[in-house]
Amino acid sequence: RIGFKLDFVATDWGTVGARRAVKGPPGQGGWNMFHTWHAGGDCIN
């Protein structure tokens, strides 16, 4: 809706955990964004 073209990679959490550590460009196994969440107890300070 904003105007991006989208490459939506539907995968599993284990793959996200490994791929998000890759610092190369998306075409070389990297990425542009991913979703996660954080425990509130980790974010109080």
ModelCIF file with pLDDT and N, C-alpha, C, O atoms, coordinates in Angstrom:
data_MODEL
#
_entry.id   MODEL 
#
_entity.id                         1 
_entity.type                       polymer 
_entity.pdbx_number_of_molecules   1 
#
_entity_poly.entity_id                      1 
_entity_poly.type                           'polypeptide(L)' 
_entity_poly.nstd_linkage                   no 
_entity_poly.nstd_monomer                   no 
_entity_poly.pdbx_seq_one_letter_code       RIGFKLDFVATDWGTVGARRAVKGPPGQGGWNMFHTWHAGGDCIN 
_entity_poly.pdbx_seq_one_letter_code_can   RIGFKLDFVATDWGTVGARRAVKGPPGQGGWNMFHTWHAGGDCIN 
_entity_poly.pdbx_strand_id                 A 
#
loop_
_entity_poly_seq.entity_id 
_entity_poly_seq.num 
_entity_poly_seq.mon_id 
_entity_poly_seq.hetero 
1 1  ARG n 
1 2  ILE n 
1 3  GLY n 
1 4  PHE n 
1 5  LYS n 
1 6  LEU n 
1 7  ASP n 
1 8  PHE n 
1 9  VAL n 
1 10 ALA n 
1 11 THR n 
1 12 ASP n 
1 13 TRP n 
1 14 GLY n 
1 15 THR n 
1 16 VAL n 
1 17 GLY n 
1 18 ALA n 
1 19 ARG n 
1 20 ARG n 
1 21 ALA n 
1 22 VAL n 
1 23 LYS n 
1 24 GLY n 
1 25 PRO n 
1 26 PRO n 
1 27 GLY n 
1 28 GLN n 
1 29 GLY n 
1 30 GLY n 
1 31 TRP n 
1 32 ASN n 
1 33 MET n 
1 34 PHE n 
1 35 HIS n 
1 36 THR n 
1 37 TRP n 
1 38 HIS n 
1 39 ALA n 
1 40 GLY n 
1 41 GLY n 
1 42 ASP n 
1 43 CYS n 
1 44 ILE n 
1 45 ASN n 
#
_struct_asym.id          A 
_struct_asym.entity_id   1 
#
loop_
_ma_qa_metric.id 
_ma_qa_metric.mode 
_ma_qa_metric.name 
_ma_qa_metric.software_group_id 
_ma_qa_metric.type 
1 global pLDDT . pLDDT 
2 local  pLDDT . pLDDT 
#
_ma_qa_metric_global.metric_id      1 
_ma_qa_metric_global.metric_value   95.76 
_ma_qa_metric_global.model_id       1 
_ma_qa_metric_global.ordinal_id     1 
#
loop_
_ma_qa_metric_local.label_asym_id 
_ma_qa_metric_local.label_comp_id 
_ma_qa_metric_local.label_seq_id 
_ma_qa_metric_local.metric_id 
_ma_qa_metric_local.metric_value 
_ma_qa_metric_local.model_id 
_ma_qa_metric_local.ordinal_id 
A ARG 1  2 98.00 1 1  
A ILE 2  2 97.00 1 2  
A GLY 3  2 98.00 1 3  
A PHE 4  2 98.00 1 4  
A LYS 5  2 98.00 1 5  
A LEU 6  2 97.00 1 6  
A ASP 7  2 98.00 1 7  
A PHE 8  2 98.00 1 8  
A VAL 9  2 98.00 1 9  
A ALA 10 2 98.00 1 10 
A THR 11 2 97.00 1 11 
A ASP 12 2 93.00 1 12 
A TRP 13 2 90.00 1 13 
A GLY 14 2 89.00 1 14 
A THR 15 2 94.00 1 15 
A VAL 16 2 95.00 1 16 
A GLY 17 2 92.00 1 17 
A ALA 18 2 92.00 1 18 
A ARG 19 2 96.00 1 19 
A ARG 20 2 97.00 1 20 
A ALA 21 2 95.00 1 21 
A VAL 22 2 97.00 1 22 
A LYS 23 2 96.00 1 23 
A GLY 24 2 96.00 1 24 
A PRO 25 2 97.00 1 25 
A PRO 26 2 97.00 1 26 
A GLY 27 2 95.00 1 27 
A GLN 28 2 96.00 1 28 
A GLY 29 2 96.00 1 29 
A GLY 30 2 98.00 1 30 
A TRP 31 2 98.00 1 31 
A ASN 32 2 98.00 1 32 
A MET 33 2 98.00 1 33 
A PHE 34 2 98.00 1 34 
A HIS 35 2 98.00 1 35 
A THR 36 2 97.00 1 36 
A TRP 37 2 96.00 1 37 
A HIS 38 2 95.00 1 38 
A ALA 39 2 93.00 1 39 
A GLY 40 2 95.00 1 40 
A GLY 41 2 91.00 1 41 
A ASP 42 2 92.00 1 42 
A CYS 43 2 96.00 1 43 
A ILE 44 2 94.00 1 44 
A ASN 45 2 94.00 1 45 
#
loop_
_atom_site.group_PDB 
_atom_site.id 
_atom_site.type_symbol 
_atom_site.label_atom_id 
_atom_site.label_alt_id 
_atom_site.label_comp_id 
_atom_site.label_asym_id 
_atom_site.label_entity_id 
_atom_site.label_seq_id 
_atom_site.pdbx_PDB_ins_code 
_atom_site.Cartn_x 
_atom_site.Cartn_y 
_atom_site.Cartn_z 
_atom_site.occupancy 
_atom_site.B_iso_or_equiv 
_atom_site.pdbx_formal_charge 
_atom_site.auth_seq_id 
_atom_site.auth_comp_id 
_atom_site.auth_asym_id 
_atom_site.auth_atom_id 
_atom_site.pdbx_PDB_model_num 
ATOM 1   N N  . ARG A 1 1  ? 0.823  -1.209  0.000  1.00 98.00 ? 1  ARG A N  1 
ATOM 2   C CA . ARG A 1 1  ? 0.000  0.000   0.000  1.00 98.00 ? 1  ARG A CA 1 
ATOM 3   C C  . ARG A 1 1  ? 0.857  1.259   0.000  1.00 98.00 ? 1  ARG A C  1 
ATOM 4   O O  . ARG A 1 1  ? 0.453  2.285   -0.548 1.00 98.00 ? 1  ARG A O  1 
ATOM 5   N N  . ILE A 1 2  ? 2.032  1.189   0.609  1.00 97.00 ? 2  ILE A N  1 
ATOM 6   C CA . ILE A 1 2  ? 2.928  2.346   0.634  1.00 97.00 ? 2  ILE A CA 1 
ATOM 7   C C  . ILE A 1 2  ? 3.592  2.544   -0.717 1.00 97.00 ? 2  ILE A C  1 
ATOM 8   O O  . ILE A 1 2  ? 3.868  3.677   -1.111 1.00 97.00 ? 2  ILE A O  1 
ATOM 9   N N  . GLY A 1 3  ? 3.854  1.450   -1.436 1.00 98.00 ? 3  GLY A N  1 
ATOM 10  C CA . GLY A 1 3  ? 4.512  1.576   -2.729 1.00 98.00 ? 3  GLY A CA 1 
ATOM 11  C C  . GLY A 1 3  ? 5.730  0.696   -2.912 1.00 98.00 ? 3  GLY A C  1 
ATOM 12  O O  . GLY A 1 3  ? 6.478  0.865   -3.876 1.00 98.00 ? 3  GLY A O  1 
ATOM 13  N N  . PHE A 1 4  ? 5.941  -0.237  -2.004 1.00 98.00 ? 4  PHE A N  1 
ATOM 14  C CA . PHE A 1 4  ? 7.060  -1.167  -2.146 1.00 98.00 ? 4  PHE A CA 1 
ATOM 15  C C  . PHE A 1 4  ? 6.696  -2.313  -3.080 1.00 98.00 ? 4  PHE A C  1 
ATOM 16  O O  . PHE A 1 4  ? 5.537  -2.721  -3.153 1.00 98.00 ? 4  PHE A O  1 
ATOM 17  N N  . LYS A 1 5  ? 7.682  -2.824  -3.785 1.00 98.00 ? 5  LYS A N  1 
ATOM 18  C CA . LYS A 1 5  ? 7.564  -4.139  -4.399 1.00 98.00 ? 5  LYS A CA 1 
ATOM 19  C C  . LYS A 1 5  ? 8.033  -5.149  -3.370 1.00 98.00 ? 5  LYS A C  1 
ATOM 20  O O  . LYS A 1 5  ? 8.964  -4.881  -2.611 1.00 98.00 ? 5  LYS A O  1 
ATOM 21  N N  . LEU A 1 6  ? 7.394  -6.306  -3.341 1.00 97.00 ? 6  LEU A N  1 
ATOM 22  C CA . LEU A 1 6  ? 7.588  -7.221  -2.225 1.00 97.00 ? 6  LEU A CA 1 
ATOM 23  C C  . LEU A 1 6  ? 8.094  -8.578  -2.673 1.00 97.00 ? 6  LEU A C  1 
ATOM 24  O O  . LEU A 1 6  ? 7.544  -9.196  -3.584 1.00 97.00 ? 6  LEU A O  1 
ATOM 25  N N  . ASP A 1 7  ? 9.152  -9.031  -2.016 1.00 98.00 ? 7  ASP A N  1 
ATOM 26  C CA . ASP A 1 7  ? 9.628  -10.417 -2.128 1.00 98.00 ? 7  ASP A CA 1 
ATOM 27  C C  . ASP A 1 7  ? 9.352  -11.064 -0.783 1.00 98.00 ? 7  ASP A C  1 
ATOM 28  O O  . ASP A 1 7  ? 10.163 -10.967 0.138  1.00 98.00 ? 7  ASP A O  1 
ATOM 29  N N  . PHE A 1 8  ? 8.209  -11.722 -0.670 1.00 98.00 ? 8  PHE A N  1 
ATOM 30  C CA . PHE A 1 8  ? 7.756  -12.282 0.605  1.00 98.00 ? 8  PHE A CA 1 
ATOM 31  C C  . PHE A 1 8  ? 8.247  -13.715 0.701  1.00 98.00 ? 8  PHE A C  1 
ATOM 32  O O  . PHE A 1 8  ? 7.793  -14.587 -0.040 1.00 98.00 ? 8  PHE A O  1 
ATOM 33  N N  . VAL A 1 9  ? 9.182  -13.956 1.621  1.00 98.00 ? 9  VAL A N  1 
ATOM 34  C CA . VAL A 1 9  ? 9.768  -15.285 1.789  1.00 98.00 ? 9  VAL A CA 1 
ATOM 35  C C  . VAL A 1 9  ? 9.087  -15.967 2.968  1.00 98.00 ? 9  VAL A C  1 
ATOM 36  O O  . VAL A 1 9  ? 9.410  -15.696 4.125  1.00 98.00 ? 9  VAL A O  1 
ATOM 37  N N  . ALA A 1 10 ? 8.147  -16.848 2.667  1.00 98.00 ? 10 ALA A N  1 
ATOM 38  C CA . ALA A 1 10 ? 7.450  -17.609 3.709  1.00 98.00 ? 10 ALA A CA 1 
ATOM 39  C C  . ALA A 1 10 ? 8.310  -18.811 4.067  1.00 98.00 ? 10 ALA A C  1 
ATOM 40  O O  . ALA A 1 10 ? 8.555  -19.678 3.227  1.00 98.00 ? 10 ALA A O  1 
ATOM 41  N N  . THR A 1 11 ? 8.770  -18.864 5.319  1.00 97.00 ? 11 THR A N  1 
ATOM 42  C CA . THR A 1 11 ? 9.703  -19.910 5.711  1.00 97.00 ? 11 THR A CA 1 
ATOM 43  C C  . THR A 1 11 ? 9.402  -20.353 7.139  1.00 97.00 ? 11 THR A C  1 
ATOM 44  O O  . THR A 1 11 ? 8.310  -20.095 7.644  1.00 97.00 ? 11 THR A O  1 
ATOM 45  N N  . ASP A 1 12 ? 10.331 -21.000 7.784  1.00 93.00 ? 12 ASP A N  1 
ATOM 46  C CA . ASP A 1 12 ? 10.146 -21.441 9.166  1.00 93.00 ? 12 ASP A CA 1 
ATOM 47  C C  . ASP A 1 12 ? 11.059 -20.639 10.088 1.00 93.00 ? 12 ASP A C  1 
ATOM 48  O O  . ASP A 1 12 ? 11.993 -19.975 9.639  1.00 93.00 ? 12 ASP A O  1 
ATOM 49  N N  . TRP A 1 13 ? 10.768 -20.714 11.387 1.00 90.00 ? 13 TRP A N  1 
ATOM 50  C CA . TRP A 1 13 ? 11.482 -19.890 12.368 1.00 90.00 ? 13 TRP A CA 1 
ATOM 51  C C  . TRP A 1 13 ? 12.964 -20.246 12.451 1.00 90.00 ? 13 TRP A C  1 
ATOM 52  O O  . TRP A 1 13 ? 13.802 -19.372 12.669 1.00 90.00 ? 13 TRP A O  1 
ATOM 53  N N  . GLY A 1 14 ? 13.288 -21.525 12.277 1.00 89.00 ? 14 GLY A N  1 
ATOM 54  C CA . GLY A 1 14 ? 14.688 -21.914 12.302 1.00 89.00 ? 14 GLY A CA 1 
ATOM 55  C C  . GLY A 1 14 ? 15.468 -21.279 11.167 1.00 89.00 ? 14 GLY A C  1 
ATOM 56  O O  . GLY A 1 14 ? 16.603 -20.841 11.351 1.00 89.00 ? 14 GLY A O  1 
ATOM 57  N N  . THR A 1 15 ? 14.854 -21.231 9.987  1.00 94.00 ? 15 THR A N  1 
ATOM 58  C CA . THR A 1 15 ? 15.512 -20.612 8.836  1.00 94.00 ? 15 THR A CA 1 
ATOM 59  C C  . THR A 1 15 ? 15.672 -19.112 9.036  1.00 94.00 ? 15 THR A C  1 
ATOM 60  O O  . THR A 1 15 ? 16.704 -18.543 8.681  1.00 94.00 ? 15 THR A O  1 
ATOM 61  N N  . VAL A 1 16 ? 14.650 -18.468 9.607  1.00 95.00 ? 16 VAL A N  1 
ATOM 62  C CA . VAL A 1 16 ? 14.767 -17.043 9.907  1.00 95.00 ? 16 VAL A CA 1 
ATOM 63  C C  . VAL A 1 16 ? 15.938 -16.808 10.859 1.00 95.00 ? 16 VAL A C  1 
ATOM 64  O O  . VAL A 1 16 ? 16.727 -15.882 10.670 1.00 95.00 ? 16 VAL A O  1 
ATOM 65  N N  . GLY A 1 17 ? 16.042 -17.660 11.888 1.00 92.00 ? 17 GLY A N  1 
ATOM 66  C CA . GLY A 1 17 ? 17.116 -17.515 12.852 1.00 92.00 ? 17 GLY A CA 1 
ATOM 67  C C  . GLY A 1 17 ? 18.490 -17.606 12.218 1.00 92.00 ? 17 GLY A C  1 
ATOM 68  O O  . GLY A 1 17 ? 19.413 -16.909 12.638 1.00 92.00 ? 17 GLY A O  1 
ATOM 69  N N  . ALA A 1 18 ? 18.638 -18.459 11.212 1.00 92.00 ? 18 ALA A N  1 
ATOM 70  C CA . ALA A 1 18 ? 19.923 -18.592 10.535 1.00 92.00 ? 18 ALA A CA 1 
ATOM 71  C C  . ALA A 1 18 ? 20.134 -17.483 9.508  1.00 92.00 ? 18 ALA A C  1 
ATOM 72  O O  . ALA A 1 18 ? 21.226 -16.923 9.408  1.00 92.00 ? 18 ALA A O  1 
ATOM 73  N N  . ARG A 1 19 ? 19.093 -17.169 8.748  1.00 96.00 ? 19 ARG A N  1 
ATOM 74  C CA . ARG A 1 19 ? 19.263 -16.216 7.654  1.00 96.00 ? 19 ARG A CA 1 
ATOM 75  C C  . ARG A 1 19 ? 19.455 -14.784 8.148  1.00 96.00 ? 19 ARG A C  1 
ATOM 76  O O  . ARG A 1 19 ? 20.152 -13.998 7.507  1.00 96.00 ? 19 ARG A O  1 
ATOM 77  N N  . ARG A 1 20 ? 18.846 -14.441 9.278  1.00 97.00 ? 20 ARG A N  1 
ATOM 78  C CA . ARG A 1 20 ? 18.975 -13.064 9.754  1.00 97.00 ? 20 ARG A CA 1 
ATOM 79  C C  . ARG A 1 20 ? 20.402 -12.737 10.180 1.00 97.00 ? 20 ARG A C  1 
ATOM 80  O O  . ARG A 1 20 ? 20.738 -11.565 10.345 1.00 97.00 ? 20 ARG A O  1 
ATOM 81  N N  . ALA A 1 21 ? 21.240 -13.742 10.359 1.00 95.00 ? 21 ALA A N  1 
ATOM 82  C CA . ALA A 1 21 ? 22.642 -13.518 10.700 1.00 95.00 ? 21 ALA A CA 1 
ATOM 83  C C  . ALA A 1 21 ? 23.501 -13.228 9.478  1.00 95.00 ? 21 ALA A C  1 
ATOM 84  O O  . ALA A 1 21 ? 24.665 -12.853 9.618  1.00 95.00 ? 21 ALA A O  1 
ATOM 85  N N  . VAL A 1 22 ? 22.944 -13.395 8.283  1.00 97.00 ? 22 VAL A N  1 
ATOM 86  C CA . VAL A 1 22 ? 23.689 -13.176 7.043  1.00 97.00 ? 22 VAL A CA 1 
ATOM 87  C C  . VAL A 1 22 ? 23.720 -11.680 6.725  1.00 97.00 ? 22 VAL A C  1 
ATOM 88  O O  . VAL A 1 22 ? 22.672 -11.041 6.625  1.00 97.00 ? 22 VAL A O  1 
ATOM 89  N N  . LYS A 1 23 ? 24.912 -11.131 6.571  1.00 96.00 ? 23 LYS A N  1 
ATOM 90  C CA . LYS A 1 23 ? 25.058 -9.694  6.340  1.00 96.00 ? 23 LYS A CA 1 
ATOM 91  C C  . LYS A 1 23 ? 25.095 -9.313  4.861  1.00 96.00 ? 23 LYS A C  1 
ATOM 92  O O  . LYS A 1 23 ? 25.111 -8.127  4.532  1.00 96.00 ? 23 LYS A O  1 
ATOM 93  N N  . GLY A 1 24 ? 25.110 -10.298 3.971  1.00 96.00 ? 24 GLY A N  1 
ATOM 94  C CA . GLY A 1 24 ? 25.143 -10.002 2.554  1.00 96.00 ? 24 GLY A CA 1 
ATOM 95  C C  . GLY A 1 24 ? 23.796 -9.536  2.031  1.00 96.00 ? 24 GLY A C  1 
ATOM 96  O O  . GLY A 1 24 ? 22.814 -9.546  2.773  1.00 96.00 ? 24 GLY A O  1 
ATOM 97  N N  . PRO A 1 25 ? 23.726 -9.122  0.751  1.00 97.00 ? 25 PRO A N  1 
ATOM 98  C CA . PRO A 1 25 ? 22.467 -8.675  0.148  1.00 97.00 ? 25 PRO A CA 1 
ATOM 99  C C  . PRO A 1 25 ? 21.481 -9.825  0.006  1.00 97.00 ? 25 PRO A C  1 
ATOM 100 O O  . PRO A 1 25 ? 21.875 -10.991 0.049  1.00 97.00 ? 25 PRO A O  1 
ATOM 101 N N  . PRO A 1 26 ? 20.199 -9.503  -0.163 1.00 97.00 ? 26 PRO A N  1 
ATOM 102 C CA . PRO A 1 26 ? 19.180 -10.560 -0.272 1.00 97.00 ? 26 PRO A CA 1 
ATOM 103 C C  . PRO A 1 26 ? 19.483 -11.599 -1.339 1.00 97.00 ? 26 PRO A C  1 
ATOM 104 O O  . PRO A 1 26 ? 19.183 -12.779 -1.158 1.00 97.00 ? 26 PRO A O  1 
ATOM 105 N N  . GLY A 1 27 ? 20.070 -11.177 -2.438 1.00 95.00 ? 27 GLY A N  1 
ATOM 106 C CA . GLY A 1 27 ? 20.388 -12.115 -3.509 1.00 95.00 ? 27 GLY A CA 1 
ATOM 107 C C  . GLY A 1 27 ? 21.473 -13.095 -3.156 1.00 95.00 ? 27 GLY A C  1 
ATOM 108 O O  . GLY A 1 27 ? 21.689 -14.076 -3.868 1.00 95.00 ? 27 GLY A O  1 
ATOM 109 N N  . GLN A 1 28 ? 22.166 -12.836 -2.050 1.00 96.00 ? 28 GLN A N  1 
ATOM 110 C CA . GLN A 1 28 ? 23.226 -13.725 -1.588 1.00 96.00 ? 28 GLN A CA 1 
ATOM 111 C C  . GLN A 1 28 ? 22.880 -14.331 -0.229 1.00 96.00 ? 28 GLN A C  1 
ATOM 112 O O  . GLN A 1 28 ? 23.760 -14.620 0.581  1.00 96.00 ? 28 GLN A O  1 
ATOM 113 N N  . GLY A 1 29 ? 21.574 -14.517 0.004  1.00 96.00 ? 29 GLY A N  1 
ATOM 114 C CA . GLY A 1 29 ? 21.129 -15.145 1.228  1.00 96.00 ? 29 GLY A CA 1 
ATOM 115 C C  . GLY A 1 29 ? 20.801 -14.198 2.356  1.00 96.00 ? 29 GLY A C  1 
ATOM 116 O O  . GLY A 1 29 ? 20.465 -14.633 3.457  1.00 96.00 ? 29 GLY A O  1 
ATOM 117 N N  . GLY A 1 30 ? 20.894 -12.895 2.093  1.00 98.00 ? 30 GLY A N  1 
ATOM 118 C CA . GLY A 1 30 ? 20.586 -11.897 3.113  1.00 98.00 ? 30 GLY A CA 1 
ATOM 119 C C  . GLY A 1 30 ? 19.112 -11.551 3.153  1.00 98.00 ? 30 GLY A C  1 
ATOM 120 O O  . GLY A 1 30 ? 18.272 -12.361 2.760  1.00 98.00 ? 30 GLY A O  1 
ATOM 121 N N  . TRP A 1 31 ? 18.787 -10.355 3.623  1.00 98.00 ? 31 TRP A N  1 
ATOM 122 C CA . TRP A 1 31 ? 17.389 -9.994  3.869  1.00 98.00 ? 31 TRP A CA 1 
ATOM 123 C C  . TRP A 1 31 ? 17.269 -8.481  4.000  1.00 98.00 ? 31 TRP A C  1 
ATOM 124 O O  . TRP A 1 31 ? 18.262 -7.770  4.158  1.00 98.00 ? 31 TRP A O  1 
ATOM 125 N N  . ASN A 1 32 ? 16.023 -8.009  3.931  1.00 98.00 ? 32 ASN A N  1 
ATOM 126 C CA . ASN A 1 32 ? 15.728 -6.593  4.164  1.00 98.00 ? 32 ASN A CA 1 
ATOM 127 C C  . ASN A 1 32 ? 14.974 -6.352  5.467  1.00 98.00 ? 32 ASN A C  1 
ATOM 128 O O  . ASN A 1 32 ? 15.226 -5.356  6.145  1.00 98.00 ? 32 ASN A O  1 
ATOM 129 N N  . MET A 1 33 ? 14.057 -7.243  5.827  1.00 98.00 ? 33 MET A N  1 
ATOM 130 C CA . MET A 1 33 ? 13.341 -7.115  7.096  1.00 98.00 ? 33 MET A CA 1 
ATOM 131 C C  . MET A 1 33 ? 12.827 -8.477  7.545  1.00 98.00 ? 33 MET A C  1 
ATOM 132 O O  . MET A 1 33 ? 12.619 -9.383  6.738  1.00 98.00 ? 33 MET A O  1 
ATOM 133 N N  . PHE A 1 34 ? 12.629 -8.594  8.852  1.00 98.00 ? 34 PHE A N  1 
ATOM 134 C CA . PHE A 1 34 ? 11.966 -9.769  9.407  1.00 98.00 ? 34 PHE A CA 1 
ATOM 135 C C  . PHE A 1 34 ? 11.173 -9.336  10.623 1.00 98.00 ? 34 PHE A C  1 
ATOM 136 O O  . PHE A 1 34 ? 11.350 -8.227  11.127 1.00 98.00 ? 34 PHE A O  1 
ATOM 137 N N  . HIS A 1 35 ? 10.301 -10.207 11.093 1.00 98.00 ? 35 HIS A N  1 
ATOM 138 C CA . HIS A 1 35 ? 9.514  -9.932  12.297 1.00 98.00 ? 35 HIS A CA 1 
ATOM 139 C C  . HIS A 1 35 ? 9.959  -10.847 13.432 1.00 98.00 ? 35 HIS A C  1 
ATOM 140 O O  . HIS A 1 35 ? 10.311 -12.010 13.233 1.00 98.00 ? 35 HIS A O  1 
ATOM 141 N N  . THR A 1 36 ? 9.927  -10.269 14.630 1.00 97.00 ? 36 THR A N  1 
ATOM 142 C CA . THR A 1 36 ? 10.145 -11.043 15.844 1.00 97.00 ? 36 THR A CA 1 
ATOM 143 C C  . THR A 1 36 ? 9.386  -10.352 16.965 1.00 97.00 ? 36 THR A C  1 
ATOM 144 O O  . THR A 1 36 ? 8.534  -9.502  16.708 1.00 97.00 ? 36 THR A O  1 
ATOM 145 N N  . TRP A 1 37 ? 9.691  -10.710 18.202 1.00 96.00 ? 37 TRP A N  1 
ATOM 146 C CA . TRP A 1 37 ? 9.101  -10.044 19.351 1.00 96.00 ? 37 TRP A CA 1 
ATOM 147 C C  . TRP A 1 37 ? 10.069 -10.187 20.520 1.00 96.00 ? 37 TRP A C  1 
ATOM 148 O O  . TRP A 1 37 ? 10.977 -11.017 20.487 1.00 96.00 ? 37 TRP A O  1 
ATOM 149 N N  . HIS A 1 38 ? 9.869  -9.375  21.548 1.00 95.00 ? 38 HIS A N  1 
ATOM 150 C CA . HIS A 1 38 ? 10.766 -9.382  22.695 1.00 95.00 ? 38 HIS A CA 1 
ATOM 151 C C  . HIS A 1 38 ? 9.954  -9.440  23.980 1.00 95.00 ? 38 HIS A C  1 
ATOM 152 O O  . HIS A 1 38 ? 8.912  -8.796  24.100 1.00 95.00 ? 38 HIS A O  1 
ATOM 153 N N  . ALA A 1 39 ? 10.437 -10.211 24.927 1.00 93.00 ? 39 ALA A N  1 
ATOM 154 C CA . ALA A 1 39 ? 9.779  -10.269 26.222 1.00 93.00 ? 39 ALA A CA 1 
ATOM 155 C C  . ALA A 1 39 ? 9.839  -8.900  26.879 1.00 93.00 ? 39 ALA A C  1 
ATOM 156 O O  . ALA A 1 39 ? 10.880 -8.244  26.872 1.00 93.00 ? 39 ALA A O  1 
ATOM 157 N N  . GLY A 1 40 ? 8.712  -8.470  27.450 1.00 95.00 ? 40 GLY A N  1 
ATOM 158 C CA . GLY A 1 40 ? 8.687  -7.185  28.121 1.00 95.00 ? 40 GLY A CA 1 
ATOM 159 C C  . GLY A 1 40 ? 9.708  -7.082  29.230 1.00 95.00 ? 40 GLY A C  1 
ATOM 160 O O  . GLY A 1 40 ? 10.218 -5.996  29.505 1.00 95.00 ? 40 GLY A O  1 
ATOM 161 N N  . GLY A 1 41 ? 10.017 -8.209  29.880 1.00 91.00 ? 41 GLY A N  1 
ATOM 162 C CA . GLY A 1 41 ? 11.024 -8.217  30.924 1.00 91.00 ? 41 GLY A CA 1 
ATOM 163 C C  . GLY A 1 41 ? 12.407 -7.870  30.420 1.00 91.00 ? 41 GLY A C  1 
ATOM 164 O O  . GLY A 1 41 ? 13.249 -7.411  31.192 1.00 91.00 ? 41 GLY A O  1 
ATOM 165 N N  . ASP A 1 42 ? 12.660 -8.086  29.114 1.00 92.00 ? 42 ASP A N  1 
ATOM 166 C CA . ASP A 1 42 ? 13.942 -7.723  28.517 1.00 92.00 ? 42 ASP A CA 1 
ATOM 167 C C  . ASP A 1 42 ? 14.024 -6.247  28.172 1.00 92.00 ? 42 ASP A C  1 
ATOM 168 O O  . ASP A 1 42 ? 15.109 -5.723  27.918 1.00 92.00 ? 42 ASP A O  1 
ATOM 169 N N  . CYS A 1 43 ? 12.870 -5.571  28.161 1.00 96.00 ? 43 CYS A N  1 
ATOM 170 C CA . CYS A 1 43 ? 12.794 -4.217  27.602 1.00 96.00 ? 43 CYS A CA 1 
ATOM 171 C C  . CYS A 1 43 ? 12.438 -3.156  28.629 1.00 96.00 ? 43 CYS A C  1 
ATOM 172 O O  . CYS A 1 43 ? 11.988 -2.071  28.259 1.00 96.00 ? 43 CYS A O  1 
ATOM 173 N N  . ILE A 1 44 ? 12.630 -3.445  29.917 1.00 94.00 ? 44 ILE A N  1 
ATOM 174 C CA . ILE A 1 44 ? 12.268 -2.468  30.944 1.00 94.00 ? 44 ILE A CA 1 
ATOM 175 C C  . ILE A 1 44 ? 13.358 -1.423  31.143 1.00 94.00 ? 44 ILE A C  1 
ATOM 176 O O  . ILE A 1 44 ? 13.097 -0.350  31.687 1.00 94.00 ? 44 ILE A O  1 
ATOM 177 N N  . ASN A 1 45 ? 14.575 -1.731  30.707 1.00 94.00 ? 45 ASN A N  1 
ATOM 178 C CA . ASN A 1 45 ? 15.679 -0.779  30.754 1.00 94.00 ? 45 ASN A CA 1 
ATOM 179 C C  . ASN A 1 45 ? 16.716 -1.220  29.724 1.00 94.00 ? 45 ASN A C  1 
ATOM 180 O O  . ASN A 1 45 ? 17.751 -0.571  29.573 1.00 94.00 ? 45 ASN A O  1 
#
